[in-house]
């Protein structure tokens, strides 16, 4: 079960990063903010379950 959970977190993180890149390219500030929050939330969720996902310090803070 843990492997499936980690796999889903990784997939969701990749999707959120793609959405952030798209929002950034389109100049969608609300989309950027939402994506940054989603990424930070996923990283917190992973950490609370002892799962380490590669990320930058700014992603952890919810900043791009």
C-alpha atoms as a PDB file:
ATOM      1  CA  UNK A   1       0.000   0.000   0.000  1.00  0.00           C
ATOM      2  CA  UNK A   2       2.808   2.431   0.812  1.00  0.00           C
ATOM      3  CA  UNK A   3       4.379   1.947  -2.607  1.00  0.00           C
ATOM      4  CA  UNK A   4       1.074   2.744  -4.294  1.00  0.00           C
ATOM      5  CA  UNK A   5       0.635   5.838  -2.114  1.00  0.00           C
ATOM      6  CA  UNK A   6       4.134   7.049  -2.935  1.00  0.00           C
ATOM      7  CA  UNK A   7       3.566   6.416  -6.632  1.00  0.00           C
ATOM      8  CA  UNK A   8       0.352   8.455  -6.522  1.00  0.00           C
ATOM      9  CA  UNK A   9       2.092  11.305  -4.679  1.00  0.00           C
ATOM     10  CA  UNK A  10       4.838  11.340  -7.296  1.00  0.00           C
ATOM     11  CA  UNK A  11       2.264  11.421 -10.100  1.00  0.00           C
ATOM     12  CA  UNK A  12       0.308  14.225  -8.443  1.00  0.00           C
ATOM     13  CA  UNK A  13       3.501  16.204  -7.860  1.00  0.00           C
ATOM     14  CA  UNK A  14       4.483  15.848 -11.520  1.00  0.00           C
ATOM     15  CA  UNK A  15       1.022  17.011 -12.593  1.00  0.00           C
ATOM     16  CA  UNK A  16       1.144  20.011 -10.259  1.00  0.00           C
ATOM     17  CA  UNK A  17       4.567  20.959 -11.613  1.00  0.00           C
ATOM     18  CA  UNK A  18       3.237  20.741 -15.180  1.00  0.00           C
ATOM     19  CA  UNK A  19       0.280  22.932 -14.210  1.00  0.00           C
ATOM     20  CA  UNK A  20       2.672  25.433 -12.601  1.00  0.00           C
ATOM     21  CA  UNK A  21       4.771  25.595 -15.768  1.00  0.00           C
ATOM     22  CA  UNK A  22       1.660  26.129 -17.893  1.00  0.00           C
ATOM     23  CA  UNK A  23       0.270  28.820 -15.591  1.00  0.00           C
ATOM     24  CA  UNK A  24       3.648  30.561 -15.519  1.00  0.00           C
ATOM     25  CA  UNK A  25       3.927  30.499 -19.316  1.00  0.00           C
ATOM     26  CA  UNK A  26       0.405  31.909 -19.667  1.00  0.00           C
ATOM     27  CA  UNK A  27       0.949  34.604 -17.056  1.00  0.00           C
ATOM     28  CA  UNK A  28      -1.894  33.154 -14.954  1.00  0.00           C
ATOM     29  CA  UNK A  29      -0.977  34.440 -11.502  1.00  0.00           C
ATOM     30  CA  UNK A  30      -3.907  32.722  -9.787  1.00  0.00           C
ATOM     31  CA  UNK A  31      -2.951  29.443 -11.445  1.00  0.00           C
ATOM     32  CA  UNK A  32       0.658  29.906 -10.361  1.00  0.00           C
ATOM     33  CA  UNK A  33      -0.389  30.518  -6.770  1.00  0.00           C
ATOM     34  CA  UNK A  34      -2.753  27.536  -6.760  1.00  0.00           C
ATOM     35  CA  UNK A  35      -0.117  25.238  -8.248  1.00  0.00           C
ATOM     36  CA  UNK A  36       2.542  26.399  -5.791  1.00  0.00           C
ATOM     37  CA  UNK A  37       0.172  25.683  -2.920  1.00  0.00           C
ATOM     38  CA  UNK A  38      -0.670  22.253  -4.333  1.00  0.00           C
ATOM     39  CA  UNK A  39       3.016  21.373  -4.651  1.00  0.00           C
ATOM     40  CA  UNK A  40       3.780  22.502  -1.087  1.00  0.00           C
ATOM     41  CA  UNK A  41       0.783  20.561   0.208  1.00  0.00           C
ATOM     42  CA  UNK A  42       1.824  17.378  -1.559  1.00  0.00           C
ATOM     43  CA  UNK A  43       5.344  17.704  -0.178  1.00  0.00           C
ATOM     44  CA  UNK A  44       3.962  18.170   3.365  1.00  0.00           C
ATOM     45  CA  UNK A  45       1.691  15.151   2.937  1.00  0.00           C
ATOM     46  CA  UNK A  46       4.588  13.031   1.721  1.00  0.00           C
ATOM     47  CA  UNK A  47       6.816  14.139   4.593  1.00  0.00           C
ATOM     48  CA  UNK A  48       4.104  13.400   7.150  1.00  0.00           C
ATOM     49  CA  UNK A  49       4.095   9.814   5.864  1.00  0.00           C
ATOM     50  CA  UNK A  50       7.878   9.497   5.843  1.00  0.00           C
ATOM     51  CA  UNK A  51       8.155   9.749   2.069  1.00  0.00           C
ATOM     52  CA  UNK A  52      10.967  11.861   0.671  1.00  0.00           C
ATOM     53  CA  UNK A  53      10.274  13.399  -2.712  1.00  0.00           C
ATOM     54  CA  UNK A  54      12.865  15.423  -4.622  1.00  0.00           C
ATOM     55  CA  UNK A  55      12.059  19.110  -4.439  1.00  0.00           C
ATOM     56  CA  UNK A  56      13.525  22.548  -4.142  1.00  0.00           C
ATOM     57  CA  UNK A  57      13.387  24.644  -0.961  1.00  0.00           C
ATOM     58  CA  UNK A  58      11.147  27.139  -2.768  1.00  0.00           C
ATOM     59  CA  UNK A  59       8.659  24.377  -3.633  1.00  0.00           C
ATOM     60  CA  UNK A  60       8.531  23.400   0.018  1.00  0.00           C
ATOM     61  CA  UNK A  61       7.715  27.027   0.926  1.00  0.00           C
ATOM     62  CA  UNK A  62       5.071  27.247  -1.781  1.00  0.00           C
ATOM     63  CA  UNK A  63       7.059  29.578  -4.025  1.00  0.00           C
ATOM     64  CA  UNK A  64       8.165  29.079  -7.590  1.00  0.00           C
END
